[in-house]
Amino acid sequence: MGEVYFGIPGPLARTLVEGLRLEFAVETGTHLGDTAALLGTMVERVWSVELSHTYVERARAQHGDDPRITFIEGSSPTVLTELAPSLDRPALFWLDAHWCEADTAGYEAQCPVLAEIEALDASPAAARSVILIDDARFFLGCPWPTYRRSDWPTFMEVVDRLRARHPRYVTTLLDVIIAGPPEAREVVERFWQAKVFADLQQSKEGAWQEVEALRLELSAARGRPSAGRSGVSRPRRLARRLLPTGLRRALLRLRHPG
């Protein structure tokens, strides 16, 4: 599933917008409006729906001067039911209206995601749009006791609803459930491959720096050369002891291709 983000994973959202030519964005769960503002840098129009009057007012105060963003107060399934029929161009839907402790609204009905999916499927462009659902971990496993488990569908129930009317590609990365047209698979996989390679490169550099520092420290303390009697350099021998096998092999391939 990957690491947990707080808010929309911006690089993933931008990759999907650009790769699938999405023109609108709809967010449920406005909070302070920062995600709506970010989406406003990617698409032509953004609608953000929030149940809490307090958060709607805060978002409007911070981002209300952006003509691309419309903040709407109300229940997300109700607002989406009214809004979706007018969305005639492919959109990115960011569904994050589920209750999240603290002072967020919606405790009485903690997770409206199934109703949200049903409502947005009425969009004329629903089959070409992309749906991102935050907090995938809460659908993959049981939330902690302050959440009512009965309010939260399972991951497979969410997938079934996502595929009920359209043959969507569905996966989960970065604590987000991703659903889109079949061609979204190639976009998502290319994004993930690039991210994994970038992370590996960063891990490789950090790992070799640690190994080299330890080698120099040990060499200085023991007064020995960097290679032992076997002819294998100390960094490699230390790497064998300190690094997981899979990462060690990947680092050696990157450092010594072929």
Protein backbone atom coordinates (compact mmCIF):
# COMPACT_ATOMS: atom_id res chain seq x y z
CA MET A 1 0.00 0.00 0.00
CA GLY A 2 2.94 2.35 0.59
CA GLU A 3 3.40 5.13 3.09
CA VAL A 4 0.52 7.06 4.65
CA TYR A 5 -0.09 10.59 3.40
CA PHE A 6 -2.11 13.20 5.28
CA GLY A 7 -4.14 14.77 2.51
CA ILE A 8 -4.05 14.03 -1.18
CA PRO A 9 -0.74 12.69 -2.56
CA GLY A 10 0.00 15.64 -4.85
CA PRO A 11 2.42 13.90 -7.26
CA LEU A 12 -0.04 11.04 -7.80
CA ALA A 13 -2.94 13.43 -8.38
CA ARG A 14 -0.97 15.51 -10.88
CA THR A 15 0.22 12.41 -12.73
CA LEU A 16 -3.38 11.21 -13.11
CA VAL A 17 -4.65 14.64 -14.17
CA GLU A 18 -1.98 15.00 -16.83
CA GLY A 19 -1.90 11.37 -17.95
CA LEU A 20 -5.68 11.05 -18.35
CA ARG A 21 -6.44 14.67 -19.26
CA LEU A 22 -8.79 15.32 -16.38
CA GLU A 23 -10.36 18.79 -16.49
CA PHE A 24 -12.39 19.09 -13.27
CA ALA A 25 -11.83 18.13 -9.63
CA VAL A 26 -14.34 17.43 -6.88
CA GLU A 27 -13.33 17.05 -3.25
CA THR A 28 -15.46 15.84 -0.36
CA GLY A 29 -14.14 16.83 3.05
CA THR A 30 -12.79 20.37 2.66
CA HIS A 31 -11.17 20.88 6.06
CA LEU A 32 -9.18 24.13 5.60
CA GLY A 33 -9.29 24.11 1.80
CA ASP A 34 -5.61 23.39 1.16
CA THR A 35 -6.31 20.35 -1.01
CA ALA A 36 -8.84 22.32 -3.05
CA ALA A 37 -6.22 25.00 -3.58
CA LEU A 38 -3.68 22.41 -4.70
CA LEU A 39 -6.18 20.85 -7.12
CA GLY A 40 -6.87 24.33 -8.44
CA THR A 41 -3.31 24.40 -9.79
CA MET A 42 -3.99 21.25 -11.82
CA VAL A 43 -7.47 21.61 -13.33
CA GLU A 44 -9.88 24.22 -14.66
CA ARG A 45 -12.58 24.00 -11.95
CA VAL A 46 -12.74 22.62 -8.41
CA TRP A 47 -15.76 21.95 -6.21
CA SER A 48 -15.14 21.18 -2.53
CA VAL A 49 -17.91 19.85 -0.28
CA GLU A 50 -17.83 20.11 3.52
CA LEU A 51 -20.43 19.22 6.16
CA SER A 52 -18.97 21.46 8.87
CA HIS A 53 -20.04 25.11 8.67
CA THR A 54 -16.95 26.12 10.62
CA TYR A 55 -14.55 24.52 8.16
CA VAL A 56 -16.41 25.87 5.14
CA GLU A 57 -16.06 29.40 6.49
CA ARG A 58 -12.36 28.90 7.26
CA ALA A 59 -11.72 27.54 3.77
CA ARG A 60 -13.57 30.43 2.16
CA ALA A 61 -11.59 32.90 4.25
CA GLN A 62 -8.28 31.38 3.12
CA HIS A 63 -9.02 30.42 -0.47
CA GLY A 64 -12.31 32.06 -1.39
CA ASP A 65 -10.65 34.58 -3.70
CA ASP A 66 -9.65 31.82 -6.15
CA PRO A 67 -12.30 31.91 -8.92
CA ARG A 68 -11.57 28.30 -9.88
CA ILE A 69 -12.76 26.94 -6.51
CA THR A 70 -16.33 26.66 -5.26
CA PHE A 71 -16.86 25.68 -1.62
CA ILE A 72 -20.21 24.04 -0.89
CA GLU A 73 -21.62 23.36 2.56
CA GLY A 74 -23.65 20.19 2.92
CA SER A 75 -23.77 16.41 3.03
CA SER A 76 -21.45 15.01 0.37
CA PRO A 77 -23.86 12.38 -1.07
CA THR A 78 -26.59 15.00 -1.35
CA VAL A 79 -24.34 17.60 -2.96
CA LEU A 80 -22.79 15.06 -5.34
CA THR A 81 -26.26 13.91 -6.39
CA GLU A 82 -27.04 17.49 -7.40
CA LEU A 83 -23.62 18.28 -8.89
CA ALA A 84 -22.68 15.12 -10.78
CA PRO A 85 -25.13 15.44 -13.71
CA SER A 86 -23.48 18.75 -14.68
CA LEU A 87 -19.94 17.30 -14.77
CA ASP A 88 -19.68 16.58 -18.48
CA ARG A 89 -15.87 16.44 -18.59
CA PRO A 90 -13.57 13.90 -16.93
CA ALA A 91 -12.84 14.75 -13.32
CA LEU A 92 -10.66 13.76 -10.41
CA PHE A 93 -12.82 12.89 -7.39
CA TRP A 94 -11.03 13.05 -4.03
CA LEU A 95 -13.29 11.41 -1.44
CA ASP A 96 -12.24 12.31 2.10
CA ALA A 97 -15.52 13.20 3.81
CA HIS A 98 -15.41 10.32 6.28
CA TRP A 99 -15.24 11.21 9.95
CA CYS A 100 -11.77 11.61 11.43
CA GLU A 101 -12.08 12.23 15.18
CA ALA A 102 -11.08 15.66 16.57
CA ASP A 103 -13.68 18.28 15.64
CA THR A 104 -14.57 16.98 12.18
CA ALA A 105 -18.24 16.59 11.29
CA GLY A 106 -20.07 13.38 10.46
CA TYR A 107 -19.79 11.25 13.59
CA GLU A 108 -23.42 10.09 13.22
CA ALA A 109 -22.69 8.54 9.79
CA GLN A 110 -18.94 8.14 9.75
CA CYS A 111 -18.22 6.97 6.21
CA PRO A 112 -20.52 7.99 3.32
CA VAL A 113 -18.17 6.67 0.62
CA LEU A 114 -20.56 4.11 -0.90
CA ALA A 115 -23.27 6.74 -1.27
CA GLU A 116 -20.71 9.16 -2.71
CA ILE A 117 -19.66 6.66 -5.38
CA GLU A 118 -23.26 5.97 -6.30
CA ALA A 119 -23.96 9.70 -6.63
CA LEU A 120 -20.91 10.59 -8.71
CA ASP A 121 -21.59 7.70 -11.07
CA ALA A 122 -24.42 9.83 -12.44
CA SER A 123 -21.85 12.13 -14.03
CA PRO A 124 -21.89 11.89 -17.86
CA ALA A 125 -18.10 11.57 -17.70
CA ALA A 126 -17.98 9.09 -14.81
CA ALA A 127 -16.46 6.29 -16.89
CA ARG A 128 -13.55 8.56 -17.91
CA SER A 129 -13.02 10.05 -14.45
CA VAL A 130 -10.71 8.97 -11.62
CA ILE A 131 -11.77 8.37 -8.02
CA LEU A 132 -9.28 8.60 -5.15
CA ILE A 133 -10.50 7.52 -1.71
CA ASP A 134 -8.38 8.52 1.28
CA ASP A 135 -7.52 6.32 4.28
CA ALA A 136 -7.39 3.00 2.44
CA ARG A 137 -6.11 1.38 5.64
CA PHE A 138 -9.51 1.87 7.29
CA PHE A 139 -11.17 -0.25 4.59
CA LEU A 140 -8.44 -2.88 4.50
CA GLY A 141 -8.57 -3.39 8.28
CA CYS A 142 -10.71 -2.47 11.25
CA PRO A 143 -10.33 1.14 12.51
CA TRP A 144 -9.53 1.62 16.18
CA PRO A 145 -12.34 1.52 18.76
CA THR A 146 -13.37 5.20 18.56
CA TYR A 147 -14.69 4.39 15.07
CA ARG A 148 -17.91 2.41 14.56
CA ARG A 149 -16.94 -0.55 12.43
CA SER A 150 -20.50 -0.93 11.16
CA ASP A 151 -20.24 2.48 9.47
CA TRP A 152 -17.18 1.48 7.42
CA PRO A 153 -17.46 -0.80 4.38
CA THR A 154 -14.71 -3.30 3.70
CA PHE A 155 -12.21 -2.79 0.89
CA MET A 156 -13.99 -5.37 -1.26
CA GLU A 157 -17.36 -3.70 -0.69
CA VAL A 158 -15.84 -0.44 -1.91
CA VAL A 159 -14.34 -2.19 -4.94
CA ASP A 160 -17.66 -3.83 -5.78
CA ARG A 161 -19.41 -0.46 -5.69
CA LEU A 162 -16.70 1.16 -7.79
CA ARG A 163 -17.11 -1.52 -10.47
CA ALA A 164 -20.89 -1.85 -10.30
CA ARG A 165 -21.58 0.50 -13.24
CA HIS A 166 -18.20 0.85 -14.95
CA PRO A 167 -15.31 -1.61 -15.62
CA ARG A 168 -12.86 0.41 -13.57
CA TYR A 169 -9.27 -0.45 -12.83
CA VAL A 170 -8.92 -0.44 -9.02
CA THR A 171 -5.81 -0.58 -6.85
CA THR A 172 -4.42 0.98 -3.68
CA LEU A 173 -1.21 2.98 -3.19
CA LEU A 174 -0.04 5.57 -0.65
CA ASP A 175 -3.01 4.85 1.65
CA VAL A 176 -5.38 5.73 -1.21
CA ILE A 177 -7.84 3.58 -3.15
CA ILE A 178 -7.49 4.44 -6.83
CA ALA A 179 -10.21 3.74 -9.40
CA GLY A 180 -10.34 4.85 -13.00
CA PRO A 181 -10.84 3.77 -16.60
CA PRO A 182 -8.78 0.79 -17.79
CA GLU A 183 -6.12 3.08 -19.28
CA ALA A 184 -5.46 4.46 -15.77
CA ARG A 185 -3.54 1.27 -15.02
CA GLU A 186 -0.60 2.25 -17.23
CA VAL A 187 -0.49 5.76 -15.75
CA VAL A 188 -0.55 4.46 -12.17
CA GLU A 189 2.05 1.77 -12.80
CA ARG A 190 4.45 4.20 -14.46
CA PHE A 191 4.03 6.57 -11.52
CA TRP A 192 4.72 3.77 -9.03
CA GLN A 193 7.75 2.47 -10.91
CA ALA A 194 9.24 5.97 -11.00
CA LYS A 195 8.57 6.47 -7.29
CA VAL A 196 10.05 3.13 -6.29
CA PHE A 197 13.17 3.80 -8.35
CA ALA A 198 13.54 7.30 -6.85
CA ASP A 199 13.09 5.91 -3.33
CA LEU A 200 15.62 3.17 -4.03
CA GLN A 201 18.12 5.68 -5.34
CA GLN A 202 17.70 7.76 -2.20
CA SER A 203 17.99 4.67 0.01
CA LYS A 204 21.04 3.54 -1.92
CA GLU A 205 22.85 6.82 -1.39
CA GLY A 206 21.99 6.90 2.29
CA ALA A 207 22.93 3.26 2.81
CA TRP A 208 26.29 3.57 1.09
CA GLN A 209 27.09 6.73 3.03
CA GLU A 210 26.43 4.85 6.28
CA VAL A 211 28.51 1.89 5.14
CA GLU A 212 31.40 4.12 4.04
CA ALA A 213 31.34 6.07 7.31
CA LEU A 214 31.43 2.84 9.31
CA ARG A 215 34.27 1.50 7.14
CA LEU A 216 36.37 4.59 7.75
CA GLU A 217 35.63 4.48 11.47
CA LEU A 218 36.63 0.85 11.77
CA SER A 219 39.71 1.30 9.60
CA ALA A 220 40.88 4.22 11.72
CA ALA A 221 40.21 2.38 14.98
CA ARG A 222 41.96 -0.84 13.94
CA GLY A 223 44.65 0.60 11.70
CA ARG A 224 43.72 -1.78 8.86
CA PRO A 225 43.42 -1.19 5.11
CA SER A 226 40.01 -0.96 3.53
CA ALA A 227 40.16 -4.47 2.02
CA GLY A 228 40.68 -7.64 4.01
CA ARG A 229 42.61 -10.78 3.13
CA SER A 230 39.78 -12.02 0.97
CA GLY A 231 40.19 -9.02 -1.33
CA VAL A 232 36.56 -8.02 -0.76
CA SER A 233 36.26 -4.36 0.14
CA ARG A 234 35.11 -3.56 3.66
CA PRO A 235 32.01 -1.67 2.39
CA ARG A 236 30.80 -4.81 0.69
CA ARG A 237 31.53 -7.00 3.69
CA LEU A 238 29.75 -4.55 5.98
CA ALA A 239 26.87 -4.32 3.55
CA ARG A 240 26.50 -8.09 3.71
CA ARG A 241 26.13 -7.88 7.48
CA LEU A 242 24.07 -4.70 7.79
CA LEU A 243 21.66 -4.49 4.85
CA PRO A 244 18.61 -6.63 4.02
CA THR A 245 19.40 -9.07 1.21
CA GLY A 246 16.99 -7.58 -1.33
CA LEU A 247 18.16 -4.00 -0.76
CA ARG A 248 21.82 -5.07 -0.74
CA ARG A 249 21.50 -6.77 -4.12
CA ALA A 250 19.63 -3.79 -5.58
CA LEU A 251 22.28 -1.38 -4.31
CA LEU A 252 25.09 -3.47 -5.76
CA ARG A 253 23.33 -3.67 -9.12
CA LEU A 254 22.84 0.09 -9.19
CA ARG A 255 26.40 0.79 -8.12
CA HIS A 256 27.98 -1.87 -10.34
CA PRO A 257 25.59 -2.46 -13.30
CA GLY A 258 26.17 -5.65 -15.23
